[in-house]
Protein backbone atom coordinates (compact mmCIF):
# COMPACT_ATOMS: atom_id res chain seq x y z
CA MET A 1 -11.98 -14.70 30.11
CA GLY A 2 -13.56 -16.93 27.48
CA PHE A 3 -12.42 -14.88 24.48
CA ASP A 4 -11.41 -17.93 22.45
CA VAL A 5 -14.66 -19.77 23.15
CA PHE A 6 -16.74 -16.82 22.03
CA ILE A 7 -14.69 -16.26 18.87
CA ASP A 8 -14.92 -19.94 17.93
CA SER A 9 -18.70 -19.75 18.42
CA VAL A 10 -19.01 -16.91 15.87
CA ARG A 11 -16.54 -18.36 13.36
CA GLU A 12 -19.06 -18.49 10.51
CA ASP A 13 -20.20 -14.93 11.26
CA ILE A 14 -16.59 -13.73 11.02
CA ILE A 15 -16.18 -15.42 7.64
CA LYS A 16 -19.51 -14.11 6.32
CA SER A 17 -18.83 -10.55 7.47
CA THR A 18 -15.41 -10.57 5.82
CA GLN A 19 -16.92 -11.82 2.55
CA GLU A 20 -19.62 -9.13 2.57
CA PHE A 21 -16.98 -6.49 3.25
CA ILE A 22 -14.64 -7.65 0.44
CA LYS A 23 -17.48 -7.61 -2.08
CA ILE A 24 -17.67 -3.81 -1.72
CA LYS A 25 -15.26 -2.33 -4.26
CA SER A 26 -13.84 0.42 -2.08
CA VAL A 27 -11.24 1.91 -4.44
CA GLU A 28 -11.00 5.70 -4.18
CA GLY A 29 -13.32 7.46 -6.63
CA GLU A 30 -14.90 10.81 -7.34
CA PRO A 31 -16.20 12.63 -4.25
CA GLN A 32 -19.88 12.19 -3.48
CA PRO A 33 -22.10 13.83 -0.83
CA GLY A 34 -21.12 12.21 2.46
CA ALA A 35 -18.43 10.16 0.73
CA PRO A 36 -15.38 12.37 0.07
CA PHE A 37 -13.37 9.46 -1.36
CA GLY A 38 -16.04 8.04 -3.60
CA GLU A 39 -19.16 5.92 -3.49
CA GLY A 40 -17.42 2.57 -2.97
CA VAL A 41 -15.35 3.78 -0.03
CA GLY A 42 -18.45 5.39 1.44
CA LYS A 43 -20.37 2.10 1.22
CA ALA A 44 -17.51 0.27 2.93
CA LEU A 45 -17.53 2.74 5.82
CA GLU A 46 -21.30 2.44 6.12
CA TYR A 47 -20.96 -1.35 6.20
CA VAL A 48 -18.52 -1.50 9.13
CA LEU A 49 -20.44 1.12 11.10
CA SER A 50 -23.68 -0.80 10.57
CA LEU A 51 -21.99 -4.05 11.63
CA SER A 52 -20.62 -2.28 14.70
CA GLN A 53 -24.08 -1.01 15.67
CA LYS A 54 -25.48 -4.54 15.40
CA MET A 55 -22.72 -5.68 17.77
CA GLY A 56 -23.85 -3.12 20.33
CA PHE A 57 -21.00 -0.65 19.99
CA LYS A 58 -21.26 3.10 20.13
CA THR A 59 -20.55 4.43 16.62
CA LYS A 60 -19.84 7.74 14.96
CA ASN A 61 -19.44 8.80 11.32
CA LEU A 62 -17.32 11.92 10.88
CA ASP A 63 -18.74 13.29 7.61
CA GLY A 64 -17.66 10.23 5.62
CA TYR A 65 -13.97 10.90 6.24
CA VAL A 66 -13.62 8.46 9.11
CA GLY A 67 -15.73 6.57 11.60
CA TYR A 68 -15.31 4.64 14.81
CA ALA A 69 -16.83 1.97 17.03
CA GLU A 70 -16.32 2.18 20.80
CA ILE A 71 -16.95 0.42 24.10
CA GLY A 72 -16.00 1.19 27.69
CA GLU A 73 -15.61 4.22 29.90
CA GLY A 74 -12.73 6.37 31.03
CA ASP A 75 -10.57 9.31 30.06
CA GLU A 76 -8.03 7.27 28.12
CA ILE A 77 -8.53 5.46 24.82
CA VAL A 78 -6.96 2.30 23.42
CA GLY A 79 -7.14 2.70 19.68
CA ILE A 80 -7.21 0.07 16.95
CA LEU A 81 -6.63 1.82 13.65
CA VAL A 82 -7.81 0.10 10.45
CA HIS A 83 -8.84 1.16 6.94
CA VAL A 84 -11.73 0.30 4.64
CA ASP A 85 -10.26 1.50 1.32
CA VAL A 86 -8.26 -0.72 -1.04
CA VAL A 87 -5.86 -0.23 -3.93
CA PRO A 88 -7.08 -1.01 -7.48
CA GLU A 89 -7.25 -4.72 -8.22
CA GLY A 90 -4.79 -4.80 -11.14
CA MET A 91 -4.72 -7.63 -13.67
CA GLY A 92 -4.29 -11.39 -13.86
CA TRP A 93 -6.40 -12.67 -10.96
CA ILE A 94 -7.31 -16.36 -10.84
CA TYR A 95 -10.36 -15.64 -8.69
CA PRO A 96 -12.63 -12.56 -8.95
CA PRO A 97 -11.00 -9.76 -6.92
CA TYR A 98 -14.36 -8.80 -5.39
CA GLY A 99 -15.89 -12.27 -5.36
CA ALA A 100 -14.73 -13.15 -1.83
CA GLU A 101 -14.45 -16.80 -2.83
CA ILE A 102 -13.03 -19.46 -0.50
CA HIS A 103 -10.64 -22.05 -1.92
CA ASP A 104 -8.52 -24.48 0.11
CA GLY A 105 -9.13 -22.60 3.34
CA LYS A 106 -8.21 -19.23 1.84
CA LEU A 107 -10.55 -16.28 1.41
CA TYR A 108 -9.61 -14.43 -1.77
CA GLY A 109 -10.25 -10.80 -2.66
CA ARG A 110 -8.79 -7.33 -2.82
CA GLY A 111 -8.49 -6.15 0.76
CA SER A 112 -8.71 -9.62 2.32
CA ILE A 113 -5.38 -9.11 4.09
CA ASP A 114 -5.07 -5.33 3.55
CA ASP A 115 -7.12 -4.41 5.54
CA LYS A 116 -10.65 -5.81 5.52
CA GLY A 117 -10.02 -9.25 7.00
CA PRO A 118 -8.07 -7.81 9.96
CA THR A 119 -10.73 -5.12 10.42
CA VAL A 120 -13.40 -7.79 10.85
CA SER A 121 -11.11 -9.75 13.20
CA ALA A 122 -10.72 -6.62 15.33
CA LEU A 123 -14.48 -6.04 15.43
CA TYR A 124 -15.21 -9.56 16.63
CA ALA A 125 -12.33 -9.29 19.11
CA LEU A 126 -14.00 -6.20 20.56
CA LYS A 127 -17.31 -8.07 20.66
CA ALA A 128 -15.62 -10.91 22.56
CA VAL A 129 -14.34 -8.45 25.17
CA LYS A 130 -17.76 -6.79 25.43
CA GLU A 131 -19.53 -10.14 25.94
CA SER A 132 -17.04 -11.17 28.65
CA ASP A 133 -18.29 -8.42 31.01
CA ILE A 134 -14.72 -7.57 31.98
CA ASP A 135 -14.37 -4.17 33.61
CA LEU A 136 -12.30 -1.87 31.40
CA ASN A 137 -10.48 1.16 32.80
CA LYS A 138 -10.16 2.74 29.36
CA ARG A 139 -12.35 3.14 26.33
CA VAL A 140 -11.54 0.97 23.33
CA ARG A 141 -12.08 2.54 19.94
CA ILE A 142 -11.73 0.93 16.50
CA ILE A 143 -11.07 3.79 14.09
CA PHE A 144 -12.07 3.20 10.45
CA GLY A 145 -9.96 5.19 8.01
CA THR A 146 -11.08 5.69 4.42
CA ASN A 147 -8.04 7.16 2.66
CA GLU A 148 -5.09 5.09 3.90
CA GLU A 149 -3.98 3.96 0.46
CA SER A 150 -3.80 7.40 -1.11
CA GLY A 151 -3.21 10.29 1.23
CA TRP A 152 -4.32 9.82 4.86
CA LYS A 153 -6.68 12.81 4.71
CA CYS A 154 -9.09 10.73 6.77
CA ILE A 155 -6.77 10.53 9.76
CA LYS A 156 -5.88 14.19 9.50
CA TYR A 157 -9.61 14.86 9.71
CA TYR A 158 -9.92 12.54 12.71
CA ASN A 159 -7.06 14.24 14.55
CA GLU A 160 -8.69 17.63 14.00
CA LYS A 161 -12.06 16.48 15.37
CA GLU A 162 -11.44 13.73 17.94
CA GLU A 163 -9.31 12.56 20.86
CA MET A 164 -5.91 10.95 20.35
CA PRO A 165 -5.64 7.40 21.75
CA THR A 166 -3.26 6.81 24.65
CA TYR A 167 -2.09 3.57 23.05
CA CYS A 168 -2.80 2.31 19.56
CA PHE A 169 -2.08 -0.76 17.47
CA VAL A 170 -2.61 -1.22 13.76
CA PRO A 171 -3.53 -4.66 12.32
CA ASP A 172 -2.19 -3.85 8.87
CA ALA A 173 1.28 -5.35 8.54
CA ASN A 174 3.19 -8.22 10.18
CA TYR A 175 3.65 -10.10 13.42
CA PRO A 176 5.24 -10.13 15.89
CA ILE A 177 5.48 -6.33 16.43
CA ILE A 178 6.59 -3.58 14.06
CA ASN A 179 8.05 -0.75 16.08
CA SER A 180 10.01 0.81 13.21
CA GLU A 181 8.71 2.07 9.86
CA LYS A 182 10.70 3.78 7.15
CA GLY A 183 9.91 7.28 5.98
CA ILE A 184 7.74 7.52 2.88
CA LEU A 185 8.49 10.12 0.22
CA SER A 186 6.35 10.44 -2.91
CA PHE A 187 6.65 12.98 -5.72
CA LYS A 188 6.24 13.64 -9.45
CA LEU A 189 8.91 14.41 -12.02
CA LYS A 190 7.43 16.55 -14.81
CA LYS A 191 8.59 18.11 -18.05
CA ASN A 192 7.01 20.07 -20.89
CA PHE A 193 8.27 18.78 -24.23
CA ALA A 194 9.19 21.99 -26.00
CA LYS A 195 12.11 20.54 -27.96
CA LYS A 196 10.57 17.95 -30.27
CA ASP A 197 13.31 16.98 -32.75
CA THR A 198 12.79 13.28 -33.35
CA GLY A 199 14.97 10.47 -34.56
CA ASP A 200 14.03 7.05 -35.90
CA ILE A 201 11.22 6.67 -33.39
CA LYS A 202 8.59 9.21 -32.34
CA ILE A 203 6.79 8.54 -29.06
CA LEU A 204 3.09 9.37 -29.29
CA ASN A 205 2.23 8.39 -25.72
CA ILE A 206 3.27 6.20 -22.79
CA LYS A 207 0.89 5.21 -20.03
CA GLY A 208 1.31 2.78 -17.18
CA GLY A 209 0.75 2.16 -13.50
CA GLU A 210 -2.06 2.91 -11.07
CA ARG A 211 -0.34 4.52 -8.06
CA SER A 212 3.16 5.30 -6.89
CA ASN A 213 2.86 2.85 -3.99
CA MET A 214 2.32 -0.12 -6.33
CA VAL A 215 4.84 -1.80 -8.59
CA PRO A 216 3.11 -1.43 -11.99
CA ASP A 217 2.16 -4.59 -13.84
CA TYR A 218 1.24 -2.96 -17.16
CA CYS A 219 2.52 -0.21 -19.44
CA LYS A 220 1.53 0.72 -23.00
CA THR A 221 3.29 2.85 -25.60
CA GLU A 222 2.21 4.06 -29.03
CA LEU A 223 4.96 5.14 -31.38
CA LEU A 224 5.60 6.27 -34.92
CA CYS A 225 8.40 4.32 -36.59
CA LYS A 226 10.52 5.92 -39.32
CA ILE A 227 12.85 2.96 -39.83
CA ASP A 228 12.20 -0.30 -41.65
CA GLU A 229 9.83 -2.35 -39.52
CA LYS A 230 12.10 -5.39 -39.97
CA VAL A 231 14.80 -3.53 -38.06
CA LEU A 232 12.28 -2.64 -35.38
CA PHE A 233 11.16 -6.23 -34.93
CA GLU A 234 14.74 -7.53 -35.00
CA LYS A 235 15.65 -5.18 -32.13
CA TYR A 236 12.51 -6.22 -30.31
CA LYS A 237 13.29 -9.95 -30.60
CA SER A 238 16.89 -9.41 -29.59
CA PHE A 239 15.82 -7.40 -26.54
CA ILE A 240 13.28 -9.89 -25.19
CA ASN A 241 15.65 -12.82 -25.83
CA LYS A 242 18.35 -11.01 -23.88
CA THR A 243 16.23 -9.77 -20.98
CA GLY A 244 13.37 -12.26 -20.73
CA TYR A 245 10.94 -9.38 -20.21
CA LYS A 246 7.34 -9.93 -21.23
CA ILE A 247 6.87 -7.28 -23.91
CA GLU A 248 4.63 -7.45 -26.98
CA LEU A 249 5.09 -5.37 -30.15
CA LYS A 250 2.22 -5.03 -32.60
CA LYS A 251 1.71 -3.09 -35.79
CA GLN A 252 -1.28 -0.75 -35.64
CA ASP A 253 -1.23 0.81 -39.14
CA ASP A 254 1.37 1.72 -41.78
CA ASN A 255 3.83 3.48 -39.46
CA THR A 256 2.27 3.24 -36.01
CA PHE A 257 3.08 0.49 -33.52
CA VAL A 258 1.85 -0.46 -30.06
CA ILE A 259 4.12 -1.85 -27.35
CA GLU A 260 2.72 -3.52 -24.25
CA SER A 261 4.86 -4.34 -21.23
CA PHE A 262 3.66 -6.84 -18.63
CA GLY A 263 5.13 -7.08 -15.14
CA THR A 264 4.16 -8.32 -11.69
CA SER A 265 2.46 -6.08 -9.15
CA ALA A 266 3.80 -5.73 -5.61
CA HIS A 267 3.79 -3.24 -2.75
CA ALA A 268 6.21 -0.34 -3.16
CA MET A 269 7.75 -1.17 0.23
CA THR A 270 9.16 -4.35 -1.33
CA PRO A 271 9.65 -3.49 -5.02
CA GLU A 272 12.08 -6.39 -5.43
CA LYS A 273 9.11 -8.76 -5.09
CA GLY A 274 7.51 -7.38 -8.26
CA GLN A 275 8.52 -6.84 -11.86
CA ASN A 276 8.17 -3.22 -12.98
CA ALA A 277 6.38 -3.01 -16.34
CA ILE A 278 7.15 0.71 -16.74
CA CYS A 279 10.89 0.26 -16.20
CA GLN A 280 10.91 -2.61 -18.69
CA MET A 281 9.26 -0.31 -21.21
CA ILE A 282 11.76 2.51 -20.58
CA LYS A 283 14.72 0.20 -21.09
CA PHE A 284 13.22 -1.13 -24.33
CA ILE A 285 12.43 2.30 -25.79
CA ASN A 286 15.75 3.79 -24.72
CA GLN A 287 17.69 1.54 -27.10
CA PHE A 288 16.27 3.39 -30.13
CA ASP A 289 17.30 6.70 -31.66
CA LEU A 290 14.69 9.14 -30.31
CA GLY A 291 16.54 12.21 -31.55
CA ASP A 292 17.63 15.25 -29.54
CA SER A 293 14.26 15.89 -27.95
CA ASP A 294 12.95 16.61 -24.46
CA ILE A 295 11.04 13.35 -24.37
CA ALA A 296 14.18 11.45 -25.40
CA ASN A 297 16.20 13.11 -22.64
CA PHE A 298 13.52 12.30 -20.06
CA ILE A 299 13.45 8.65 -21.11
CA SER A 300 17.24 8.51 -21.07
CA PHE A 301 17.31 9.94 -17.54
CA LEU A 302 14.84 7.32 -16.31
CA ALA A 303 16.77 4.52 -17.99
CA LYS A 304 20.14 5.61 -16.56
CA LYS A 305 19.16 6.86 -13.11
CA ILE A 306 16.41 4.35 -12.23
CA GLY A 307 16.46 1.48 -14.71
CA MET A 308 15.36 -1.77 -13.09
CA GLU A 309 16.97 -0.92 -9.75
CA HIS A 310 15.15 -1.16 -6.42
CA TYR A 311 17.52 0.69 -4.08
CA GLY A 312 18.18 4.04 -5.76
CA THR A 313 21.82 3.22 -6.50
CA SER A 314 22.28 5.15 -9.75
CA ILE A 315 20.46 8.24 -8.53
CA GLY A 316 22.66 8.45 -5.44
CA LEU A 317 20.29 7.05 -2.81
CA GLU A 318 21.99 3.83 -1.76
CA PHE A 319 21.42 4.28 1.99
CA GLU A 320 20.65 1.92 4.85
CA ASP A 321 20.76 1.68 8.65
CA LYS A 322 20.83 -1.16 11.18
CA ILE A 323 17.33 -0.43 12.47
CA SER A 324 15.32 -0.44 9.25
CA GLY A 325 17.56 -1.59 6.39
CA LYS A 326 17.91 -0.27 2.84
CA LEU A 327 16.18 2.61 1.11
CA THR A 328 13.86 1.42 -1.68
CA LEU A 329 12.60 3.24 -4.77
CA ASN A 330 9.61 2.49 -6.99
CA LEU A 331 8.60 4.13 -10.27
CA GLY A 332 4.85 3.58 -10.04
CA VAL A 333 3.15 5.73 -12.70
CA ILE A 334 4.04 7.16 -16.11
CA ASN A 335 1.95 9.41 -18.35
CA PHE A 336 3.57 10.86 -21.48
CA CYS A 337 1.96 12.53 -24.48
CA GLU A 338 3.60 14.47 -27.30
CA ASP A 339 3.52 17.77 -25.36
CA ASN A 340 4.42 16.82 -21.79
CA GLY A 341 4.98 13.96 -19.40
CA PHE A 342 5.36 12.95 -15.79
CA VAL A 343 6.28 9.99 -13.64
CA GLU A 344 5.38 9.29 -10.02
CA LEU A 345 7.97 7.84 -7.65
CA ASN A 346 7.73 6.36 -4.17
CA ILE A 347 10.74 6.12 -1.83
CA ARG A 348 10.94 4.32 1.52
CA TYR A 349 13.93 5.69 3.45
CA PRO A 350 15.62 4.42 6.65
CA VAL A 351 14.43 5.74 10.03
CA THR A 352 17.75 7.46 10.86
CA TYR A 353 17.60 9.63 7.71
CA GLN A 354 15.62 12.81 7.11
CA GLN A 355 13.39 13.71 4.20
CA LYS A 356 15.33 16.88 3.39
CA TYR A 357 18.56 14.97 2.90
CA ILE A 358 16.87 12.59 0.44
CA ILE A 359 15.04 15.28 -1.53
CA ASP A 360 18.17 17.45 -1.82
CA ILE A 361 19.94 14.62 -3.65
CA ILE A 362 16.97 14.05 -5.94
CA GLU A 363 16.68 17.75 -6.73
CA LYS A 364 20.33 17.95 -7.69
CA GLU A 365 20.00 15.01 -10.07
CA CYS A 366 16.66 16.01 -11.58
CA LEU A 367 17.17 19.74 -11.95
CA SER A 368 20.38 19.16 -13.88
CA ALA A 369 18.25 17.08 -16.26
CA GLY A 370 15.68 19.85 -16.59
CA LEU A 371 12.97 17.97 -14.68
CA GLU A 372 10.54 19.67 -12.35
CA ILE A 373 9.77 18.09 -8.97
CA THR A 374 6.14 18.57 -7.86
CA ASP A 375 3.48 17.11 -5.57
CA VAL A 376 5.99 16.20 -2.87
CA SER A 377 4.44 14.21 -0.03
CA ASN A 378 6.36 12.96 2.99
CA ILE A 379 5.51 10.83 6.01
CA ASP A 380 8.22 10.80 8.65
CA PRO A 381 9.63 7.51 9.97
CA LEU A 382 8.26 5.84 13.09
CA PHE A 383 10.18 4.32 16.01
CA VAL A 384 8.74 3.11 19.36
CA PRO A 385 11.29 1.84 21.91
CA GLU A 386 11.24 -1.79 23.01
CA ASP A 387 10.84 -0.84 26.68
CA SER A 388 7.57 1.07 26.12
CA LEU A 389 4.48 -0.25 27.92
CA LEU A 390 2.66 -0.73 24.61
CA VAL A 391 5.38 -2.96 23.17
CA LYS A 392 5.75 -4.93 26.41
CA LYS A 393 2.01 -5.68 26.57
CA LEU A 394 1.77 -6.77 22.94
CA LYS A 395 4.86 -8.96 23.27
CA LYS A 396 3.21 -10.72 26.22
CA VAL A 397 0.00 -11.33 24.24
CA TYR A 398 1.75 -12.64 21.14
CA GLU A 399 3.97 -15.02 23.09
CA GLU A 400 1.07 -16.38 25.17
CA VAL A 401 -1.14 -17.07 22.14
CA THR A 402 1.47 -18.35 19.67
CA GLY A 403 4.18 -19.75 21.92
CA GLN A 404 6.73 -17.93 19.77
CA GLU A 405 9.18 -15.18 20.68
CA ALA A 406 7.83 -11.70 19.97
CA THR A 407 10.77 -10.18 18.14
CA LEU A 408 10.64 -6.58 16.92
CA ILE A 409 10.87 -5.85 13.21
CA SER A 410 11.11 -2.92 10.84
CA ILE A 411 9.26 -2.44 7.55
CA GLY A 412 9.22 -0.13 4.58
CA GLY A 413 5.44 -0.01 4.59
CA GLY A 414 3.53 2.98 5.87
CA THR A 415 0.96 1.80 8.36
CA TYR A 416 -1.41 4.05 10.22
CA ALA A 417 0.77 3.58 13.31
CA ARG A 418 2.78 6.65 12.36
CA ALA A 419 -0.41 8.72 12.26
CA MET A 420 -0.85 8.37 16.02
CA LYS A 421 1.31 8.88 19.09
CA ASN A 422 2.54 5.75 20.84
CA ALA A 423 1.41 3.33 18.14
CA VAL A 424 2.79 0.18 16.50
CA ALA A 425 1.71 -2.24 13.79
CA PHE A 426 0.61 -5.64 15.13
CA GLY A 427 -0.22 -8.35 12.56
CA PRO A 428 -2.07 -9.75 10.71
CA VAL A 429 0.61 -11.59 8.67
CA PHE A 430 2.40 -14.30 10.63
CA PRO A 431 6.12 -15.05 10.22
CA GLY A 432 6.81 -17.18 7.17
CA LYS A 433 3.51 -16.32 5.46
CA PRO A 434 3.58 -14.59 2.04
CA GLU A 435 3.29 -10.82 1.66
CA LEU A 436 0.08 -10.38 -0.37
CA ALA A 437 -0.87 -6.72 0.13
CA HIS A 438 -1.43 -4.98 -3.23
CA MET A 439 -0.78 -8.20 -5.15
CA LYS A 440 -3.05 -10.20 -7.44
CA ASP A 441 -4.85 -13.13 -5.81
CA GLU A 442 -4.60 -11.49 -2.40
CA TYR A 443 -6.07 -13.75 0.29
CA ILE A 444 -6.29 -14.37 4.03
CA GLU A 445 -6.32 -17.87 5.45
CA ILE A 446 -9.53 -18.57 7.35
CA GLU A 447 -7.59 -19.87 10.35
CA ASP A 448 -5.52 -16.68 10.45
CA LEU A 449 -8.72 -14.63 10.37
CA ILE A 450 -9.85 -16.45 13.53
CA ILE A 451 -6.52 -16.47 15.38
CA ASN A 452 -6.14 -12.75 14.71
CA ALA A 453 -9.44 -12.12 16.46
CA LYS A 454 -8.21 -14.12 19.46
CA ILE A 455 -4.92 -12.21 19.61
CA TYR A 456 -6.62 -8.82 19.31
CA ALA A 457 -9.13 -9.68 22.04
CA ARG A 458 -6.30 -10.38 24.47
CA ALA A 459 -4.45 -7.26 23.36
CA ILE A 460 -7.55 -5.17 24.11
CA TYR A 461 -7.79 -6.74 27.56
CA GLU A 462 -4.09 -6.18 28.34
CA LEU A 463 -4.17 -2.54 27.29
CA ALA A 464 -7.61 -1.52 28.55
CA GLY A 465 -8.47 -4.00 31.30
CA ASN A 466 -5.38 -3.87 33.49
């Protein structure tokens, strides 16, 4: 078939294309004409469609919401579902997040592993199949989503306008094959602060986090202190000595102080791999007398029911199953002012549970605390049986290329696989490699970029050429 030979011959092109792609800051922004998720995302979609045209693929742009590149003929479609948008870069990078620099065989940048590197690997895999002149009995379509990180409106738009693939794989998670994905439940807890009796400390504002699906690495609070500042600083020193949290307290003027909490960003599907800056802040503030106020009660609720926990234990959500493991919970965003406040939470629940069961427990806990639940978003779990043709074919490919057993795994992440029928996640992260999605200093190893292209070329052949 010659797939590997072709891919090796275009190695430098694969690297260059990935670098060009990463340099486009495709974080969701304000809607623009032809770019409903912002200028940067629009440019990223234009880039991959232009690259696809140069490779000789048929392309289509669906009003900036989604695009695709396609080869082959036939009634059925093999889909490869990728996304061009990225989460915000966060803080603390060693290398520029949009510099696409290579160091020690690693290509650094936001989106390098999630999902721009794998997208380029898939494109060159499709090119390898096209150049081989193999007869395909199905069309092969790489679908470029633009809103994967914050809503999936792009795929909803695609499903309203275009054909559903017969089989689909998503290069946006882990190898060998992910046939099980937890449900994803996101929502806000809100409260208007009508009761404003204050104690020793008055909270002026609290802000932290970028999105609910990221463990926040920064949170800032401004407060008015009515007690002796020596007492304030003594409590501060005692707290950081006891906890080891990275929190800084600074005096702003006579009675106003600024607190900054620093954590470690991670994906909300594995919150235990990060350090939540917002939750650190809540625990620190909660030790003070905030009076009998609505804001104090909200902070107390968050400290008692969420704290620094990852598995929803104190709020009554300590669930797990044998297929997909434990439920996880992440407090990703906080925004408090003197008049009102909200937090955004993200829950990944096991595949044998239902959203209604989870939300009923949350409602019972939150309503008793006077908190309003809004902006509820749910994505149901995914499960594809091991004996399906799709899973069998991908297992064969993985084992032939790597020489390793293609075991099936479950994740808490929400890949595009659940947006399609008969779809699974397939790579790009190999067993034993670090999970870098949504983290600072995200990178993809150059060799993995190449081997992914080789694996995807064979997967295309197995699904569309036999």
